[in-house]
Amino acid sequence: MRRRRLAGDAGMNTAEYAVGTMAAVAFAGVLLKVVTSGSIVRALTGIIEGALK
């Protein structure tokens, strides 16, 4: 009985996958916007140039 009751919650269903995927895409979009902003690009370029010298 106990085993049968726990088997129903074995994973995510389609709606949960859709919500999880949308959250991941939204996070990736925000991260891309932050990383490609001017000040971040300049800071990363400075770090890389400093490491190569």
PDB file of N, CA and C in Angstrom:
ATOM      1  N   MET A   1       0.829  -1.196   0.000  1.00  0.00           N
ATOM      2  CA  MET A   1       0.000   0.000   0.000  1.00  0.00           C
ATOM      3  C   MET A   1       0.878   1.266   0.000  1.00  0.00           C
ATOM      4  N   ARG A   2       1.859   1.314   0.886  1.00  0.00           N
ATOM      5  CA  ARG A   2       2.721   2.490   0.974  1.00  0.00           C
ATOM      6  C   ARG A   2       3.495   2.709  -0.317  1.00  0.00           C
ATOM      7  N   ARG A   3       4.011   1.653  -0.891  1.00  0.00           N
ATOM      8  CA  ARG A   3       4.775   1.752  -2.129  1.00  0.00           C
ATOM      9  C   ARG A   3       3.923   2.292  -3.257  1.00  0.00           C
ATOM     10  N   ARG A   4       2.688   1.858  -3.358  1.00  0.00           N
ATOM     11  CA  ARG A   4       1.786   2.320  -4.409  1.00  0.00           C
ATOM     12  C   ARG A   4       1.440   3.792  -4.224  1.00  0.00           C
ATOM     13  N   ARG A   5       1.314   4.257  -2.990  1.00  0.00           N
ATOM     14  CA  ARG A   5       0.968   5.647  -2.722  1.00  0.00           C
ATOM     15  C   ARG A   5       2.125   6.576  -3.110  1.00  0.00           C
ATOM     16  N   LEU A   6       3.357   6.182  -2.870  1.00  0.00           N
ATOM     17  CA  LEU A   6       4.518   7.014  -3.185  1.00  0.00           C
ATOM     18  C   LEU A   6       4.879   6.991  -4.668  1.00  0.00           C
ATOM     19  N   ALA A   7       4.471   5.994  -5.391  1.00  0.00           N
ATOM     20  CA  ALA A   7       4.825   5.863  -6.803  1.00  0.00           C
ATOM     21  C   ALA A   7       4.195   6.945  -7.661  1.00  0.00           C
ATOM     22  N   GLY A   8       3.111   7.579  -7.228  1.00  0.00           N
ATOM     23  CA  GLY A   8       2.430   8.598  -8.015  1.00  0.00           C
ATOM     24  C   GLY A   8       3.211   9.891  -8.157  1.00  0.00           C
ATOM     25  N   ASP A   9       4.155  10.155  -7.269  1.00  0.00           N
ATOM     26  CA  ASP A   9       4.925  11.399  -7.296  1.00  0.00           C
ATOM     27  C   ASP A   9       6.360  11.156  -7.755  1.00  0.00           C
ATOM     28  N   ALA A  10       6.523  10.336  -8.759  1.00  0.00           N
ATOM     29  CA  ALA A  10       7.856   9.928  -9.183  1.00  0.00           C
ATOM     30  C   ALA A  10       8.584  10.985 -10.000  1.00  0.00           C
ATOM     31  N   GLY A  11       7.910  11.971 -10.564  1.00  0.00           N
ATOM     32  CA  GLY A  11       8.587  12.964 -11.395  1.00  0.00           C
ATOM     33  C   GLY A  11       7.670  14.117 -11.743  1.00  0.00           C
ATOM     34  N   MET A  12       8.165  14.977 -12.593  1.00  0.00           N
ATOM     35  CA  MET A  12       7.380  16.134 -13.004  1.00  0.00           C
ATOM     36  C   MET A  12       6.466  15.761 -14.166  1.00  0.00           C
ATOM     37  N   ASN A  13       5.325  16.416 -14.216  1.00  0.00           N
ATOM     38  CA  ASN A  13       4.451  16.206 -15.368  1.00  0.00           C
ATOM     39  C   ASN A  13       4.706  17.304 -16.396  1.00  0.00           C
ATOM     40  N   THR A  14       4.005  17.272 -17.480  1.00  0.00           N
ATOM     41  CA  THR A  14       4.264  18.177 -18.604  1.00  0.00           C
ATOM     42  C   THR A  14       4.145  19.646 -18.218  1.00  0.00           C
ATOM     43  N   ALA A  15       3.144  20.001 -17.427  1.00  0.00           N
ATOM     44  CA  ALA A  15       2.974  21.399 -17.025  1.00  0.00           C
ATOM     45  C   ALA A  15       4.157  21.874 -16.182  1.00  0.00           C
ATOM     46  N   GLU A  16       4.653  21.021 -15.310  1.00  0.00           N
ATOM     47  CA  GLU A  16       5.797  21.412 -14.494  1.00  0.00           C
ATOM     48  C   GLU A  16       7.059  21.565 -15.345  1.00  0.00           C
ATOM     49  N   TYR A  17       7.222  20.717 -16.331  1.00  0.00           N
ATOM     50  CA  TYR A  17       8.353  20.869 -17.263  1.00  0.00           C
ATOM     51  C   TYR A  17       8.250  22.200 -18.013  1.00  0.00           C
ATOM     52  N   ALA A  18       7.053  22.551 -18.437  1.00  0.00           N
ATOM     53  CA  ALA A  18       6.862  23.805 -19.170  1.00  0.00           C
ATOM     54  C   ALA A  18       7.199  25.001 -18.288  1.00  0.00           C
ATOM     55  N   VAL A  19       6.744  25.000 -17.050  1.00  0.00           N
ATOM     56  CA  VAL A  19       7.032  26.109 -16.140  1.00  0.00           C
ATOM     57  C   VAL A  19       8.525  26.172 -15.839  1.00  0.00           C
ATOM     58  N   GLY A  20       9.145  25.023 -15.611  1.00  0.00           N
ATOM     59  CA  GLY A  20      10.580  24.991 -15.353  1.00  0.00           C
ATOM     60  C   GLY A  20      11.387  25.478 -16.536  1.00  0.00           C
ATOM     61  N   THR A  21      10.975  25.094 -17.736  1.00  0.00           N
ATOM     62  CA  THR A  21      11.664  25.538 -18.947  1.00  0.00           C
ATOM     63  C   THR A  21      11.522  27.038 -19.139  1.00  0.00           C
ATOM     64  N   MET A  22      10.342  27.563 -18.915  1.00  0.00           N
ATOM     65  CA  MET A  22      10.124  29.007 -19.062  1.00  0.00           C
ATOM     66  C   MET A  22      10.940  29.788 -18.030  1.00  0.00           C
ATOM     67  N   ALA A  23      11.030  29.288 -16.820  1.00  0.00           N
ATOM     68  CA  ALA A  23      11.834  29.959 -15.794  1.00  0.00           C
ATOM     69  C   ALA A  23      13.310  29.955 -16.188  1.00  0.00           C
ATOM     70  N   ALA A  24      13.790  28.846 -16.725  1.00  0.00           N
ATOM     71  CA  ALA A  24      15.187  28.760 -17.155  1.00  0.00           C
ATOM     72  C   ALA A  24      15.462  29.717 -18.308  1.00  0.00           C
ATOM     73  N   VAL A  25      14.545  29.825 -19.249  1.00  0.00           N
ATOM     74  CA  VAL A  25      14.713  30.738 -20.381  1.00  0.00           C
ATOM     75  C   VAL A  25      14.704  32.186 -19.907  1.00  0.00           C
ATOM     76  N   ALA A  26      13.815  32.518 -18.984  1.00  0.00           N
ATOM     77  CA  ALA A  26      13.763  33.886 -18.456  1.00  0.00           C
ATOM     78  C   ALA A  26      15.058  34.224 -17.728  1.00  0.00           C
ATOM     79  N   PHE A  27      15.564  33.289 -16.924  1.00  0.00           N
ATOM     80  CA  PHE A  27      16.821  33.521 -16.208  1.00  0.00           C
ATOM     81  C   PHE A  27      17.978  33.696 -17.190  1.00  0.00           C
ATOM     82  N   ALA A  28      18.009  32.883 -18.230  1.00  0.00           N
ATOM     83  CA  ALA A  28      19.064  32.996 -19.237  1.00  0.00           C
ATOM     84  C   ALA A  28      18.997  34.342 -19.944  1.00  0.00           C
ATOM     85  N   GLY A  29      17.800  34.822 -20.224  1.00  0.00           N
ATOM     86  CA  GLY A  29      17.646  36.127 -20.864  1.00  0.00           C
ATOM     87  C   GLY A  29      18.158  37.261 -19.995  1.00  0.00           C
ATOM     88  N   VAL A  30      17.827  37.220 -18.706  1.00  0.00           N
ATOM     89  CA  VAL A  30      18.305  38.245 -17.773  1.00  0.00           C
ATOM     90  C   VAL A  30      19.822  38.176 -17.651  1.00  0.00           C
ATOM     91  N   LEU A  31      20.350  36.971 -17.539  1.00  0.00           N
ATOM     92  CA  LEU A  31      21.802  36.802 -17.428  1.00  0.00           C
ATOM     93  C   LEU A  31      22.517  37.316 -18.674  1.00  0.00           C
ATOM     94  N   LEU A  32      21.969  37.033 -19.843  1.00  0.00           N
ATOM     95  CA  LEU A  32      22.560  37.523 -21.084  1.00  0.00           C
ATOM     96  C   LEU A  32      22.560  39.040 -21.136  1.00  0.00           C
ATOM     97  N   LYS A  33      21.464  39.649 -20.715  1.00  0.00           N
ATOM     98  CA  LYS A  33      21.368  41.106 -20.714  1.00  0.00           C
ATOM     99  C   LYS A  33      22.399  41.719 -19.769  1.00  0.00           C
ATOM    100  N   VAL A  34      22.581  41.112 -18.610  1.00  0.00           N
ATOM    101  CA  VAL A  34      23.550  41.630 -17.640  1.00  0.00           C
ATOM    102  C   VAL A  34      24.975  41.475 -18.156  1.00  0.00           C
ATOM    103  N   VAL A  35      25.300  40.303 -18.687  1.00  0.00           N
ATOM    104  CA  VAL A  35      26.667  40.026 -19.130  1.00  0.00           C
ATOM    105  C   VAL A  35      27.043  40.864 -20.348  1.00  0.00           C
ATOM    106  N   THR A  36      26.082  41.203 -21.194  1.00  0.00           N
ATOM    107  CA  THR A  36      26.404  41.980 -22.387  1.00  0.00           C
ATOM    108  C   THR A  36      26.272  43.487 -22.169  1.00  0.00           C
ATOM    109  N   SER A  37      26.001  43.911 -20.941  1.00  0.00           N
ATOM    110  CA  SER A  37      25.939  45.347 -20.690  1.00  0.00           C
ATOM    111  C   SER A  37      27.340  45.941 -20.776  1.00  0.00           C
ATOM    112  N   GLY A  38      27.426  47.210 -21.088  1.00  0.00           N
ATOM    113  CA  GLY A  38      28.704  47.863 -21.348  1.00  0.00           C
ATOM    114  C   GLY A  38      29.700  47.765 -20.219  1.00  0.00           C
ATOM    115  N   SER A  39      29.262  48.016 -18.990  1.00  0.00           N
ATOM    116  CA  SER A  39      30.204  48.017 -17.868  1.00  0.00           C
ATOM    117  C   SER A  39      30.750  46.621 -17.590  1.00  0.00           C
ATOM    118  N   ILE A  40      29.937  45.612 -17.729  1.00  0.00           N
ATOM    119  CA  ILE A  40      30.387  44.239 -17.499  1.00  0.00           C
ATOM    120  C   ILE A  40      31.368  43.811 -18.592  1.00  0.00           C
ATOM    121  N   VAL A  41      31.067  44.166 -19.831  1.00  0.00           N
ATOM    122  CA  VAL A  41      31.966  43.821 -20.940  1.00  0.00           C
ATOM    123  C   VAL A  41      33.323  44.481 -20.736  1.00  0.00           C
ATOM    124  N   ARG A  42      33.319  45.750 -20.329  1.00  0.00           N
ATOM    125  CA  ARG A  42      34.586  46.450 -20.080  1.00  0.00           C
ATOM    126  C   ARG A  42      35.354  45.797 -18.935  1.00  0.00           C
ATOM    127  N   ALA A  43      34.660  45.428 -17.879  1.00  0.00           N
ATOM    128  CA  ALA A  43      35.324  44.797 -16.733  1.00  0.00           C
ATOM    129  C   ALA A  43      35.919  43.445 -17.124  1.00  0.00           C
ATOM    130  N   LEU A  44      35.159  42.642 -17.848  1.00  0.00           N
ATOM    131  CA  LEU A  44      35.673  41.336 -18.279  1.00  0.00           C
ATOM    132  C   LEU A  44      36.841  41.485 -19.244  1.00  0.00           C
ATOM    133  N   THR A  45      36.763  42.470 -20.128  1.00  0.00           N
ATOM    134  CA  THR A  45      37.862  42.718 -21.061  1.00  0.00           C
ATOM    135  C   THR A  45      39.117  43.123 -20.301  1.00  0.00           C
ATOM    136  N   GLY A  46      38.966  43.958 -19.297  1.00  0.00           N
ATOM    137  CA  GLY A  46      40.108  44.376 -18.487  1.00  0.00           C
ATOM    138  C   GLY A  46      40.730  43.207 -17.747  1.00  0.00           C
ATOM    139  N   ILE A  47      39.900  42.332 -17.216  1.00  0.00           N
ATOM    140  CA  ILE A  47      40.412  41.152 -16.503  1.00  0.00           C
ATOM    141  C   ILE A  47      41.178  40.241 -17.458  1.00  0.00           C
ATOM    142  N   ILE A  48      40.614  40.015 -18.629  1.00  0.00           N
ATOM    143  CA  ILE A  48      41.254  39.125 -19.592  1.00  0.00           C
ATOM    144  C   ILE A  48      42.566  39.732 -20.101  1.00  0.00           C
ATOM    145  N   GLU A  49      42.546  41.035 -20.416  1.00  0.00           N
ATOM    146  CA  GLU A  49      43.774  41.681 -20.881  1.00  0.00           C
ATOM    147  C   GLU A  49      44.841  41.666 -19.809  1.00  0.00           C
ATOM    148  N   GLY A  50      44.444  41.880 -18.561  1.00  0.00           N
ATOM    149  CA  GLY A  50      45.396  41.834 -17.458  1.00  0.00           C
ATOM    150  C   GLY A  50      45.998  40.452 -17.262  1.00  0.00           C
ATOM    151  N   ALA A  51      45.200  39.431 -17.487  1.00  0.00           N
ATOM    152  CA  ALA A  51      45.685  38.054 -17.335  1.00  0.00           C
ATOM    153  C   ALA A  51      46.643  37.675 -18.460  1.00  0.00           C
ATOM    154  N   LEU A  52      46.443  38.253 -19.635  1.00  0.00           N
ATOM    155  CA  LEU A  52      47.285  37.906 -20.778  1.00  0.00           C
ATOM    156  C   LEU A  52      48.615  38.641 -20.792  1.00  0.00           C
ATOM    157  N   LYS A  53      48.757  39.694 -20.005  1.00  0.00           N
ATOM    158  CA  LYS A  53      50.008  40.475 -19.977  1.00  0.00           C
ATOM    159  C   LYS A  53      51.018  39.859 -19.067  1.00  0.00           C
TER     160      LYS A  53
END
